[in-house]
Amino acid sequence: MSNVKIIAVTGGTGAQGSGVVNVMKKTPGWRVRAITRNPESEAAKKLAADGSVEVVRADWDDEASLEKAFEGVAAVFAVTNWWESLFSGKSQWESGDIEERHGMNLARAAAKMPTLEHYLWSTQPSAKRVFPGGKLETPHMDYKANVDARIKAELPELARKTTYLYFGYYPQNMAYFPLIKPFEYPGTGQYVQILATDPQAKVLLAGDMSVNPGIWVRQALATGSAAFAKYANVALERWSFQQMMDKWCEITGKRGAVVQVSEEVWTKFLGPAGTELAWQFKFGELCDPWAVGDDFISPEELAINPSEVMGFEHTIRGLASIGMFD
C-alpha cells in the first residue's frame, strides 16, 4: 500500500492555490490534486501536462461535486474568490454572500471525508467583528471570517483539525492589479500609485505568491495537531506603501510617488472595488488586523525557514526581470 497522501488544492490555478501546488508537488509523501472549475483552461492544461499533478473539476456551488473531488484526500487547502463575483457585477455584500456559501460548501464537503486529517482554510480578519455596530465593514474579509465562525459552530469535528491562514497584501498587485499598480503620468516620466490610504500605513505582506502559500501549507501539515484550531499569518514582513514604492523605484529605475486620495474620490474613480479597498486600508489604519493572539501559531512554531520565504523585494525583482514594469 502506498504511503503517499493526497492534498486537494482548491483554486489550483489561482494566485494562492498555484503557490500551494508549486511547493506541495515537490514535497515527499504528498501528491497534489488541483481542483478547478475549468480543467480546459490553459492554466489547468499546463498543470495536467506537468505529470505530477492530478487536475479534477468541481464547482464551488455544487457540494456533491466537491465531495467527489475530495474523495480519499488527507488534506484540503480551501480558498474562495470574492473579487470574481464583484467584477461580474455583484455588490460587495452579494459577493460576500456567495463567498460564504462557497466557503461552507467546501467545508461541509471536506468534513464528510473519513480520510481527512487536516483542513487549511484561507481566510481574513474581519473589520465588522473588530468594530461592531457598523463603524466599519470590509465585506471581502468579513464574509471569510463568517466561515471561520460557522466551521467552529456547525462543524466542530472539522474545526478541531483546521488551520486558518491569513494572507496579507500581494506584492504582485504592483504588476497585475489595475486598481493598485503604478502608472506613468503622461509626459513626465513619473509613475504614480493612487491609494486611499496614508502612504506610511503598514500592511502585512504575503510576499511571492508562487511559493509562500505552499511553504506555510507544507509546514502546517508537517506540524500536524499543534497547528489545529490555530491561525497563522502567511508573512514575515510588514511594510508601508511608501516603503514599497521606494523599493519598486530602486529596482525598476523609475521615478515614482504614492498619491493619497479620499475614499469618496477613489470610489468615484474605481466604483465598488475602490470602496472595498478603501475600507480595507482604513481597517489597517485603525488597528493591526493581523495582531497575534493566543489562537495563533508562529512561524517559528511552524519551523518556517526565513531564507526560503520570498519577500517583497524578491517578488518585485522577479517581476522586473520578466519585463512586467517595462
C-alpha atoms as a PDB file:
ATOM      1  CA  MET A   1       0.000   0.000   0.000  1.00  0.00           C
ATOM      2  CA  SER A   2       1.290   3.449  -0.904  1.00  0.00           C
ATOM      3  CA  ASN A   3       2.222   5.799   1.928  1.00  0.00           C
ATOM      4  CA  VAL A   4       1.705   8.830  -0.301  1.00  0.00           C
ATOM      5  CA  LYS A   5      -1.088  11.146   0.860  1.00  0.00           C
ATOM      6  CA  ILE A   6      -3.260  13.374  -1.322  1.00  0.00           C
ATOM      7  CA  ILE A   7      -3.808  17.079  -0.762  1.00  0.00           C
ATOM      8  CA  ALA A   8      -6.694  18.681  -2.637  1.00  0.00           C
ATOM      9  CA  VAL A   9      -5.871  22.260  -3.577  1.00  0.00           C
ATOM     10  CA  THR A  10      -8.948  24.285  -4.469  1.00  0.00           C
ATOM     11  CA  GLY A  11      -8.355  27.126  -6.885  1.00  0.00           C
ATOM     12  CA  GLY A  12      -5.284  25.223  -8.033  1.00  0.00           C
ATOM     13  CA  THR A  13      -4.747  27.625 -10.949  1.00  0.00           C
ATOM     14  CA  GLY A  14      -5.280  30.803  -8.902  1.00  0.00           C
ATOM     15  CA  ALA A  15      -2.865  33.046  -7.001  1.00  0.00           C
ATOM     16  CA  GLN A  16      -2.924  31.210  -3.680  1.00  0.00           C
ATOM     17  CA  GLY A  17      -3.689  27.720  -4.962  1.00  0.00           C
ATOM     18  CA  SER A  18      -0.913  27.727  -7.544  1.00  0.00           C
ATOM     19  CA  GLY A  19       1.571  28.653  -4.824  1.00  0.00           C
ATOM     20  CA  VAL A  20       0.417  25.662  -2.793  1.00  0.00           C
ATOM     21  CA  VAL A  21       0.650  23.371  -5.839  1.00  0.00           C
ATOM     22  CA  ASN A  22       4.174  24.565  -6.686  1.00  0.00           C
ATOM     23  CA  VAL A  23       5.522  23.573  -3.279  1.00  0.00           C
ATOM     24  CA  MET A  24       3.414  20.540  -2.422  1.00  0.00           C
ATOM     25  CA  LYS A  25       4.102  18.746  -5.730  1.00  0.00           C
ATOM     26  CA  LYS A  26       7.769  18.690  -4.679  1.00  0.00           C
ATOM     27  CA  THR A  27       7.068  17.597  -1.089  1.00  0.00           C
ATOM     28  CA  PRO A  28       7.918  13.947  -0.408  1.00  0.00           C
ATOM     29  CA  GLY A  29       4.978  11.871   0.759  1.00  0.00           C
ATOM     30  CA  TRP A  30       2.353  14.049  -0.895  1.00  0.00           C
ATOM     31  CA  ARG A  31       0.513  14.018  -4.198  1.00  0.00           C
ATOM     32  CA  VAL A  32      -1.394  17.086  -5.400  1.00  0.00           C
ATOM     33  CA  ARG A  33      -4.942  17.078  -6.701  1.00  0.00           C
ATOM     34  CA  ALA A  34      -5.685  20.526  -8.146  1.00  0.00           C
ATOM     35  CA  ILE A  35      -9.388  21.376  -8.049  1.00  0.00           C
ATOM     36  CA  THR A  36     -10.663  23.784 -10.708  1.00  0.00           C
ATOM     37  CA  ARG A  37     -13.987  24.692 -12.278  1.00  0.00           C
ATOM     38  CA  ASN A  38     -12.456  24.702 -15.737  1.00  0.00           C
ATOM     39  CA  PRO A  39      -9.988  21.887 -16.454  1.00  0.00           C
ATOM     40  CA  GLU A  40      -9.931  23.032 -20.091  1.00  0.00           C
ATOM     41  CA  SER A  41      -8.326  26.371 -19.251  1.00  0.00           C
ATOM     42  CA  GLU A  42      -4.754  26.925 -20.394  1.00  0.00           C
ATOM     43  CA  ALA A  43      -3.553  27.071 -16.780  1.00  0.00           C
ATOM     44  CA  ALA A  44      -5.271  23.784 -15.929  1.00  0.00           C
ATOM     45  CA  LYS A  45      -3.925  22.083 -19.050  1.00  0.00           C
ATOM     46  CA  LYS A  46      -0.440  23.244 -18.164  1.00  0.00           C
ATOM     47  CA  LEU A  47      -0.841  21.737 -14.692  1.00  0.00           C
ATOM     48  CA  ALA A  48      -2.104  18.452 -16.074  1.00  0.00           C
ATOM     49  CA  ALA A  49       0.786  18.298 -18.549  1.00  0.00           C
ATOM     50  CA  ASP A  50       3.205  18.601 -15.640  1.00  0.00           C
ATOM     51  CA  GLY A  51       2.550  14.949 -14.869  1.00  0.00           C
ATOM     52  CA  SER A  52       2.941  15.327 -11.111  1.00  0.00           C
ATOM     53  CA  VAL A  53      -0.443  16.990 -10.550  1.00  0.00           C
ATOM     54  CA  GLU A  54      -3.912  15.485 -10.933  1.00  0.00           C
ATOM     55  CA  VAL A  55      -6.446  18.025 -12.227  1.00  0.00           C
ATOM     56  CA  VAL A  56     -10.071  17.486 -11.176  1.00  0.00           C
ATOM     57  CA  ARG A  57     -13.179  19.519 -11.959  1.00  0.00           C
ATOM     58  CA  ALA A  58     -15.565  20.736  -9.258  1.00  0.00           C
ATOM     59  CA  ASP A  59     -17.993  23.618  -8.812  1.00  0.00           C
ATOM     60  CA  TRP A  60     -17.974  25.604  -5.566  1.00  0.00           C
ATOM     61  CA  ASP A  61     -21.774  25.896  -5.910  1.00  0.00           C
ATOM     62  CA  ASP A  62     -22.140  22.113  -6.195  1.00  0.00           C
ATOM     63  CA  GLU A  63     -21.336  20.437  -2.892  1.00  0.00           C
ATOM     64  CA  ALA A  64     -21.692  16.965  -4.399  1.00  0.00           C
ATOM     65  CA  SER A  65     -19.003  17.734  -6.990  1.00  0.00           C
ATOM     66  CA  LEU A  66     -16.707  18.902  -4.198  1.00  0.00           C
ATOM     67  CA  GLU A  67     -17.310  15.711  -2.241  1.00  0.00           C
ATOM     68  CA  LYS A  68     -16.338  13.674  -5.281  1.00  0.00           C
ATOM     69  CA  ALA A  69     -13.227  15.799  -5.807  1.00  0.00           C
ATOM     70  CA  PHE A  70     -12.189  15.331  -2.163  1.00  0.00           C
ATOM     71  CA  GLU A  71     -12.528  11.543  -2.106  1.00  0.00           C
ATOM     72  CA  GLY A  72      -9.549   9.882  -0.463  1.00  0.00           C
ATOM     73  CA  VAL A  73      -7.720  13.091   0.458  1.00  0.00           C
ATOM     74  CA  ALA A  74      -5.728  13.535   3.649  1.00  0.00           C
ATOM     75  CA  ALA A  75      -5.670  17.340   3.415  1.00  0.00           C
ATOM     76  CA  VAL A  76      -7.570  20.158   1.744  1.00  0.00           C
ATOM     77  CA  PHE A  77      -6.434  23.707   1.044  1.00  0.00           C
ATOM     78  CA  ALA A  78      -9.629  25.721   0.632  1.00  0.00           C
ATOM     79  CA  VAL A  79      -9.942  29.195  -0.870  1.00  0.00           C
ATOM     80  CA  THR A  80     -12.800  31.276  -2.312  1.00  0.00           C
ATOM     81  CA  ASN A  81     -12.782  34.202  -4.755  1.00  0.00           C
ATOM     82  CA  TRP A  82     -14.779  37.242  -3.601  1.00  0.00           C
ATOM     83  CA  TRP A  83     -13.296  39.512  -6.282  1.00  0.00           C
ATOM     84  CA  GLU A  84     -14.595  37.359  -9.122  1.00  0.00           C
ATOM     85  CA  SER A  85     -18.183  37.966  -8.028  1.00  0.00           C
ATOM     86  CA  LEU A  86     -17.590  41.698  -7.555  1.00  0.00           C
ATOM     87  CA  PHE A  87     -16.065  42.090 -11.013  1.00  0.00           C
ATOM     88  CA  SER A  88     -19.009  40.186 -12.527  1.00  0.00           C
ATOM     89  CA  GLY A  89     -21.350  42.952 -11.320  1.00  0.00           C
ATOM     90  CA  LYS A  90     -22.398  41.807  -7.845  1.00  0.00           C
ATOM     91  CA  SER A  91     -22.369  44.230  -4.922  1.00  0.00           C
ATOM     92  CA  GLN A  92     -19.828  43.926  -2.109  1.00  0.00           C
ATOM     93  CA  TRP A  93     -22.401  42.190   0.080  1.00  0.00           C
ATOM     94  CA  GLU A  94     -23.796  39.951  -2.662  1.00  0.00           C
ATOM     95  CA  SER A  95     -20.229  38.885  -3.366  1.00  0.00           C
ATOM     96  CA  GLY A  96     -19.854  38.196   0.344  1.00  0.00           C
ATOM     97  CA  ASP A  97     -22.978  36.031   0.435  1.00  0.00           C
ATOM     98  CA  ILE A  98     -21.596  33.998  -2.477  1.00  0.00           C
ATOM     99  CA  GLU A  99     -18.217  33.686  -0.802  1.00  0.00           C
ATOM    100  CA  GLU A 100     -19.732  32.489   2.474  1.00  0.00           C
ATOM    101  CA  ARG A 101     -21.864  29.938   0.641  1.00  0.00           C
ATOM    102  CA  HIS A 102     -18.862  28.669  -1.282  1.00  0.00           C
ATOM    103  CA  GLY A 103     -16.746  28.553   1.873  1.00  0.00           C
ATOM    104  CA  MET A 104     -19.319  26.458   3.694  1.00  0.00           C
ATOM    105  CA  ASN A 105     -19.801  24.138   0.707  1.00  0.00           C
ATOM    106  CA  LEU A 106     -16.057  23.488   0.740  1.00  0.00           C
ATOM    107  CA  ALA A 107     -16.030  22.918   4.492  1.00  0.00           C
ATOM    108  CA  ARG A 108     -19.046  20.603   4.536  1.00  0.00           C
ATOM    109  CA  ALA A 109     -17.686  18.539   1.655  1.00  0.00           C
ATOM    110  CA  ALA A 110     -14.312  18.183   3.368  1.00  0.00           C
ATOM    111  CA  ALA A 111     -15.937  17.300   6.693  1.00  0.00           C
ATOM    112  CA  LYS A 112     -17.591  14.266   5.092  1.00  0.00           C
ATOM    113  CA  MET A 113     -14.257  12.719   4.096  1.00  0.00           C
ATOM    114  CA  PRO A 114     -13.287   9.912   6.507  1.00  0.00           C
ATOM    115  CA  THR A 115      -9.684  10.146   5.269  1.00  0.00           C
ATOM    116  CA  LEU A 116      -9.288  13.864   6.034  1.00  0.00           C
ATOM    117  CA  GLU A 117      -6.526  14.640   8.520  1.00  0.00           C
ATOM    118  CA  HIS A 118      -6.007  18.390   8.074  1.00  0.00           C
ATOM    119  CA  TYR A 119      -8.112  21.244   6.677  1.00  0.00           C
ATOM    120  CA  LEU A 120      -6.465  24.536   5.719  1.00  0.00           C
ATOM    121  CA  TRP A 121      -8.804  27.467   5.158  1.00  0.00           C
ATOM    122  CA  SER A 122      -7.671  30.741   3.551  1.00  0.00           C
ATOM    123  CA  THR A 123      -9.401  33.499   5.470  1.00  0.00           C
ATOM    124  CA  GLN A 124      -9.104  37.098   6.689  1.00  0.00           C
ATOM    125  CA  PRO A 125      -9.634  39.145   9.851  1.00  0.00           C
ATOM    126  CA  SER A 126     -12.962  40.991   9.932  1.00  0.00           C
ATOM    127  CA  ALA A 127     -13.445  44.730  10.461  1.00  0.00           C
ATOM    128  CA  LYS A 128     -17.112  44.165  11.238  1.00  0.00           C
ATOM    129  CA  ARG A 129     -16.154  41.889  14.141  1.00  0.00           C
ATOM    130  CA  VAL A 130     -13.395  44.174  15.422  1.00  0.00           C
ATOM    131  CA  PHE A 131     -15.610  47.285  15.134  1.00  0.00           C
ATOM    132  CA  PRO A 132     -19.209  46.158  15.770  1.00  0.00           C
ATOM    133  CA  GLY A 133     -22.178  48.430  15.282  1.00  0.00           C
ATOM    134  CA  GLY A 134     -21.476  49.306  11.672  1.00  0.00           C
ATOM    135  CA  LYS A 135     -18.445  51.512  12.350  1.00  0.00           C
ATOM    136  CA  LEU A 136     -16.530  49.757   9.594  1.00  0.00           C
ATOM    137  CA  GLU A 137     -17.196  46.894   7.209  1.00  0.00           C
ATOM    138  CA  THR A 138     -14.874  45.041   4.841  1.00  0.00           C
ATOM    139  CA  PRO A 139     -17.134  42.522   3.047  1.00  0.00           C
ATOM    140  CA  HIS A 140     -14.230  40.778   1.291  1.00  0.00           C
ATOM    141  CA  MET A 141     -12.821  40.000   4.737  1.00  0.00           C
ATOM    142  CA  ASP A 142     -15.993  39.878   6.856  1.00  0.00           C
ATOM    143  CA  TYR A 143     -17.642  37.016   4.995  1.00  0.00           C
ATOM    144  CA  LYS A 144     -14.497  34.884   5.097  1.00  0.00           C
ATOM    145  CA  ALA A 145     -14.496  35.379   8.865  1.00  0.00           C
ATOM    146  CA  ASN A 146     -18.154  34.286   8.915  1.00  0.00           C
ATOM    147  CA  VAL A 147     -16.993  30.955   7.515  1.00  0.00           C
ATOM    148  CA  ASP A 148     -14.436  30.651  10.347  1.00  0.00           C
ATOM    149  CA  ALA A 149     -17.202  31.135  12.897  1.00  0.00           C
ATOM    150  CA  ARG A 150     -19.545  28.707  11.181  1.00  0.00           C
ATOM    151  CA  ILE A 151     -16.915  25.991  10.895  1.00  0.00           C
ATOM    152  CA  LYS A 152     -16.388  26.263  14.659  1.00  0.00           C
ATOM    153  CA  ALA A 153     -20.121  26.301  15.423  1.00  0.00           C
ATOM    154  CA  GLU A 154     -21.538  23.911  12.821  1.00  0.00           C
ATOM    155  CA  LEU A 155     -18.640  21.568  12.042  1.00  0.00           C
ATOM    156  CA  PRO A 156     -16.799  21.069  15.344  1.00  0.00           C
ATOM    157  CA  GLU A 157     -15.016  17.916  14.196  1.00  0.00           C
ATOM    158  CA  LEU A 158     -13.642  19.766  11.180  1.00  0.00           C
ATOM    159  CA  ALA A 159     -12.753  22.768  13.341  1.00  0.00           C
ATOM    160  CA  ARG A 160     -10.598  20.546  15.531  1.00  0.00           C
ATOM    161  CA  LYS A 161      -8.316  19.808  12.550  1.00  0.00           C
ATOM    162  CA  THR A 162      -8.419  23.184  10.780  1.00  0.00           C
ATOM    163  CA  THR A 163      -5.599  25.688  10.374  1.00  0.00           C
ATOM    164  CA  TYR A 164      -6.755  29.208   9.426  1.00  0.00           C
ATOM    165  CA  LEU A 165      -4.351  31.063   7.124  1.00  0.00           C
ATOM    166  CA  TYR A 166      -4.318  34.871   6.925  1.00  0.00           C
ATOM    167  CA  PHE A 167      -2.847  36.121   3.645  1.00  0.00           C
ATOM    168  CA  GLY A 168      -1.528  39.664   3.522  1.00  0.00           C
ATOM    169  CA  TYR A 169      -1.093  42.145   0.687  1.00  0.00           C
ATOM    170  CA  TYR A 170       0.246  40.702  -2.581  1.00  0.00           C
ATOM    171  CA  PRO A 171       3.394  42.420  -3.948  1.00  0.00           C
ATOM    172  CA  GLN A 172       2.208  41.180  -7.359  1.00  0.00           C
ATOM    173  CA  ASN A 173      -0.538  43.812  -7.114  1.00  0.00           C
ATOM    174  CA  MET A 174       2.037  46.313  -8.371  1.00  0.00           C
ATOM    175  CA  ALA A 175       2.191  44.403 -11.659  1.00  0.00           C
ATOM    176  CA  TYR A 176      -1.150  42.694 -12.164  1.00  0.00           C
ATOM    177  CA  PHE A 177      -3.907  44.542 -10.264  1.00  0.00           C
ATOM    178  CA  PRO A 178      -5.040  47.547 -12.352  1.00  0.00           C
ATOM    179  CA  LEU A 179      -6.511  49.342  -9.332  1.00  0.00           C
ATOM    180  CA  ILE A 180      -3.196  49.281  -7.499  1.00  0.00           C
ATOM    181  CA  LYS A 181      -0.296  49.205  -9.928  1.00  0.00           C
ATOM    182  CA  PRO A 182       1.695  52.372 -10.627  1.00  0.00           C
ATOM    183  CA  PHE A 183       1.051  54.051 -13.968  1.00  0.00           C
ATOM    184  CA  GLU A 184       3.030  56.615 -15.905  1.00  0.00           C
ATOM    185  CA  TYR A 185       1.726  60.159 -15.690  1.00  0.00           C
ATOM    186  CA  PRO A 186       1.747  61.302 -19.329  1.00  0.00           C
ATOM    187  CA  GLY A 187       4.677  63.384 -20.431  1.00  0.00           C
ATOM    188  CA  THR A 188       6.542  63.371 -17.125  1.00  0.00           C
ATOM    189  CA  GLY A 189       8.329  60.026 -16.895  1.00  0.00           C
ATOM    190  CA  GLN A 190       6.932  59.915 -13.361  1.00  0.00           C
ATOM    191  CA  TYR A 191       4.968  56.912 -12.084  1.00  0.00           C
ATOM    192  CA  VAL A 192       2.040  57.370  -9.741  1.00  0.00           C
ATOM    193  CA  GLN A 193       0.328  54.937  -7.402  1.00  0.00           C
ATOM    194  CA  ILE A 194      -3.045  56.298  -6.299  1.00  0.00           C
ATOM    195  CA  LEU A 195      -4.275  54.914  -2.961  1.00  0.00           C
ATOM    196  CA  ALA A 196      -6.990  55.838  -0.495  1.00  0.00           C
ATOM    197  CA  THR A 197      -4.693  55.422   2.474  1.00  0.00           C
ATOM    198  CA  ASP A 198      -1.801  57.036   4.304  1.00  0.00           C
ATOM    199  CA  PRO A 199       1.417  56.169   2.424  1.00  0.00           C
ATOM    200  CA  GLN A 200       3.041  55.487   5.805  1.00  0.00           C
ATOM    201  CA  ALA A 201       0.409  52.909   6.796  1.00  0.00           C
ATOM    202  CA  LYS A 202       1.966  49.464   7.191  1.00  0.00           C
ATOM    203  CA  VAL A 203       0.393  46.244   5.932  1.00  0.00           C
ATOM    204  CA  LEU A 204       1.168  42.572   6.222  1.00  0.00           C
ATOM    205  CA  LEU A 205       2.951  41.371   3.075  1.00  0.00           C
ATOM    206  CA  ALA A 206       2.308  37.884   1.715  1.00  0.00           C
ATOM    207  CA  GLY A 207       5.410  38.003  -0.471  1.00  0.00           C
ATOM    208  CA  ASP A 208       5.860  35.837  -3.550  1.00  0.00           C
ATOM    209  CA  MET A 209       2.534  34.099  -4.074  1.00  0.00           C
ATOM    210  CA  SER A 210       4.101  31.495  -6.338  1.00  0.00           C
ATOM    211  CA  VAL A 211       5.825  29.861  -3.355  1.00  0.00           C
ATOM    212  CA  ASN A 212       4.927  31.338   0.044  1.00  0.00           C
ATOM    213  CA  PRO A 213       1.407  29.859   0.327  1.00  0.00           C
ATOM    214  CA  GLY A 214       2.883  26.422  -0.268  1.00  0.00           C
ATOM    215  CA  ILE A 215       5.589  26.910   2.360  1.00  0.00           C
ATOM    216  CA  TRP A 216       3.007  27.651   5.063  1.00  0.00           C
ATOM    217  CA  VAL A 217       0.733  24.806   3.958  1.00  0.00           C
ATOM    218  CA  ARG A 218       3.620  22.335   3.875  1.00  0.00           C
ATOM    219  CA  GLN A 219       4.816  23.382   7.317  1.00  0.00           C
ATOM    220  CA  ALA A 220       1.314  23.324   8.830  1.00  0.00           C
ATOM    221  CA  LEU A 221       0.894  19.778   7.547  1.00  0.00           C
ATOM    222  CA  ALA A 222       4.291  18.798   8.942  1.00  0.00           C
ATOM    223  CA  THR A 223       3.409  20.397  12.300  1.00  0.00           C
ATOM    224  CA  GLY A 224       0.186  18.402  12.468  1.00  0.00           C
ATOM    225  CA  SER A 225      -2.012  18.621  15.546  1.00  0.00           C
ATOM    226  CA  ALA A 226      -0.047  21.539  17.038  1.00  0.00           C
ATOM    227  CA  ALA A 227      -1.390  23.646  14.144  1.00  0.00           C
ATOM    228  CA  PHE A 228      -5.007  22.555  14.623  1.00  0.00           C
ATOM    229  CA  ALA A 229      -7.537  25.272  15.540  1.00  0.00           C
ATOM    230  CA  LYS A 230      -4.786  27.871  15.093  1.00  0.00           C
ATOM    231  CA  TYR A 231      -4.412  30.979  12.939  1.00  0.00           C
ATOM    232  CA  ALA A 232      -1.207  31.773  11.049  1.00  0.00           C
ATOM    233  CA  ASN A 233      -0.115  34.945   9.279  1.00  0.00           C
ATOM    234  CA  VAL A 234       1.351  33.948   5.911  1.00  0.00           C
ATOM    235  CA  ALA A 235       4.004  36.651   6.012  1.00  0.00           C
ATOM    236  CA  LEU A 236       7.258  37.709   7.611  1.00  0.00           C
ATOM    237  CA  GLU A 237       7.189  41.380   6.538  1.00  0.00           C
ATOM    238  CA  ARG A 238       5.165  44.500   7.323  1.00  0.00           C
ATOM    239  CA  TRP A 239       5.926  47.451   5.076  1.00  0.00           C
ATOM    240  CA  SER A 240       4.360  50.826   4.426  1.00  0.00           C
ATOM    241  CA  PHE A 241       3.088  51.667   0.963  1.00  0.00           C
ATOM    242  CA  GLN A 242       5.814  54.310   0.757  1.00  0.00           C
ATOM    243  CA  GLN A 243       8.469  51.681   1.514  1.00  0.00           C
ATOM    244  CA  MET A 244       7.046  49.509  -1.236  1.00  0.00           C
ATOM    245  CA  MET A 245       7.083  52.356  -3.754  1.00  0.00           C
ATOM    246  CA  ASP A 246      10.644  53.328  -2.788  1.00  0.00           C
ATOM    247  CA  LYS A 247      11.835  49.762  -3.315  1.00  0.00           C
ATOM    248  CA  TRP A 248       9.883  49.493  -6.593  1.00  0.00           C
ATOM    249  CA  CYS A 249      11.609  52.667  -7.832  1.00  0.00           C
ATOM    250  CA  GLU A 250      15.029  51.356  -6.771  1.00  0.00           C
ATOM    251  CA  ILE A 251      14.517  48.061  -8.610  1.00  0.00           C
ATOM    252  CA  THR A 252      12.883  49.409 -11.767  1.00  0.00           C
ATOM    253  CA  GLY A 253      14.971  52.579 -12.063  1.00  0.00           C
ATOM    254  CA  LYS A 254      11.794  54.645 -12.447  1.00  0.00           C
ATOM    255  CA  ARG A 255      10.709  57.735 -10.536  1.00  0.00           C
ATOM    256  CA  GLY A 256       7.503  57.192  -8.603  1.00  0.00           C
ATOM    257  CA  ALA A 257       5.255  58.565  -5.896  1.00  0.00           C
ATOM    258  CA  VAL A 258       2.314  57.422  -3.802  1.00  0.00           C
ATOM    259  CA  VAL A 259      -0.604  59.856  -4.041  1.00  0.00           C
ATOM    260  CA  GLN A 260      -3.234  59.698  -1.312  1.00  0.00           C
ATOM    261  CA  VAL A 261      -6.857  60.388  -2.203  1.00  0.00           C
ATOM    262  CA  SER A 262     -10.085  60.210  -0.218  1.00  0.00           C
ATOM    263  CA  GLU A 263     -12.418  57.224  -0.144  1.00  0.00           C
ATOM    264  CA  GLU A 264     -15.009  59.304  -1.994  1.00  0.00           C
ATOM    265  CA  VAL A 265     -12.603  60.124  -4.847  1.00  0.00           C
ATOM    266  CA  TRP A 266     -11.417  56.539  -5.141  1.00  0.00           C
ATOM    267  CA  THR A 267     -14.996  55.245  -5.158  1.00  0.00           C
ATOM    268  CA  LYS A 268     -15.946  57.733  -7.882  1.00  0.00           C
ATOM    269  CA  PHE A 269     -12.916  56.655  -9.875  1.00  0.00           C
ATOM    270  CA  LEU A 270     -12.981  52.865  -9.313  1.00  0.00           C
ATOM    271  CA  GLY A 271     -16.541  52.035  -8.230  1.00  0.00           C
ATOM    272  CA  PRO A 272     -17.310  49.330  -5.634  1.00  0.00           C
ATOM    273  CA  ALA A 273     -13.817  47.851  -5.873  1.00  0.00           C
ATOM    274  CA  GLY A 274     -12.402  51.222  -4.842  1.00  0.00           C
ATOM    275  CA  THR A 275     -14.821  51.412  -1.931  1.00  0.00           C
ATOM    276  CA  GLU A 276     -13.828  47.963  -0.718  1.00  0.00           C
ATOM    277  CA  LEU A 277     -10.109  48.647  -0.937  1.00  0.00           C
ATOM    278  CA  ALA A 278     -10.528  51.994   0.838  1.00  0.00           C
ATOM    279  CA  TRP A 279     -12.364  50.253   3.690  1.00  0.00           C
ATOM    280  CA  GLN A 280      -9.704  47.555   3.916  1.00  0.00           C
ATOM    281  CA  PHE A 281      -6.947  50.147   4.062  1.00  0.00           C
ATOM    282  CA  LYS A 282      -8.881  52.101   6.705  1.00  0.00           C
ATOM    283  CA  PHE A 283      -9.117  48.878   8.737  1.00  0.00           C
ATOM    284  CA  GLY A 284      -5.331  48.705   8.650  1.00  0.00           C
ATOM    285  CA  GLU A 285      -5.025  52.326   9.777  1.00  0.00           C
ATOM    286  CA  LEU A 286      -7.423  51.940  12.722  1.00  0.00           C
ATOM    287  CA  CYS A 287      -5.791  48.822  14.157  1.00  0.00           C
ATOM    288  CA  ASP A 288      -3.477  45.924  13.386  1.00  0.00           C
ATOM    289  CA  PRO A 289      -5.879  43.456  11.752  1.00  0.00           C
ATOM    290  CA  TRP A 290      -3.231  40.727  11.904  1.00  0.00           C
ATOM    291  CA  ALA A 291      -2.323  41.180  15.571  1.00  0.00           C
ATOM    292  CA  VAL A 292      -1.181  37.872  17.015  1.00  0.00           C
ATOM    293  CA  GLY A 293      -3.332  36.369  19.768  1.00  0.00           C
ATOM    294  CA  ASP A 294      -3.410  33.204  21.861  1.00  0.00           C
ATOM    295  CA  ASP A 295      -5.022  31.315  18.997  1.00  0.00           C
ATOM    296  CA  PHE A 296      -2.060  31.932  16.650  1.00  0.00           C
ATOM    297  CA  ILE A 297       0.835  29.679  15.741  1.00  0.00           C
ATOM    298  CA  SER A 298       4.074  31.481  14.959  1.00  0.00           C
ATOM    299  CA  PRO A 299       6.426  30.997  12.010  1.00  0.00           C
ATOM    300  CA  GLU A 300       8.964  29.613  14.488  1.00  0.00           C
ATOM    301  CA  GLU A 301       6.478  27.038  15.782  1.00  0.00           C
ATOM    302  CA  LEU A 302       5.770  26.035  12.182  1.00  0.00           C
ATOM    303  CA  ALA A 303       9.519  25.742  11.579  1.00  0.00           C
ATOM    304  CA  ILE A 304       9.318  28.260   8.726  1.00  0.00           C
ATOM    305  CA  ASN A 305      12.789  28.813   7.268  1.00  0.00           C
ATOM    306  CA  PRO A 306      13.106  32.596   6.687  1.00  0.00           C
ATOM    307  CA  SER A 307      15.693  32.063   3.952  1.00  0.00           C
ATOM    308  CA  GLU A 308      13.150  30.047   1.965  1.00  0.00           C
ATOM    309  CA  VAL A 309      10.394  32.682   2.185  1.00  0.00           C
ATOM    310  CA  MET A 310      10.357  35.090  -0.756  1.00  0.00           C
ATOM    311  CA  GLY A 311       9.535  38.630   0.332  1.00  0.00           C
ATOM    312  CA  PHE A 312       8.601  41.892  -1.352  1.00  0.00           C
ATOM    313  CA  GLU A 313      11.994  42.714  -2.839  1.00  0.00           C
ATOM    314  CA  HIS A 314      12.485  39.236  -4.299  1.00  0.00           C
ATOM    315  CA  THR A 315       8.995  39.347  -5.820  1.00  0.00           C
ATOM    316  CA  ILE A 316       9.444  42.741  -7.479  1.00  0.00           C
ATOM    317  CA  ARG A 317      12.909  41.833  -8.767  1.00  0.00           C
ATOM    318  CA  GLY A 318      11.461  38.679 -10.295  1.00  0.00           C
ATOM    319  CA  LEU A 319       8.660  40.596 -11.983  1.00  0.00           C
ATOM    320  CA  ALA A 320      11.090  43.228 -13.265  1.00  0.00           C
ATOM    321  CA  SER A 321      13.325  40.509 -14.718  1.00  0.00           C
ATOM    322  CA  ILE A 322      10.492  39.323 -16.984  1.00  0.00           C
ATOM    323  CA  GLY A 323       9.637  42.844 -18.140  1.00  0.00           C
ATOM    324  CA  MET A 324       6.458  43.400 -16.125  1.00  0.00           C
ATOM    325  CA  PHE A 325       7.353  47.058 -15.497  1.00  0.00           C
ATOM    326  CA  ASP A 326       8.759  47.913 -18.921  1.00  0.00           C
END
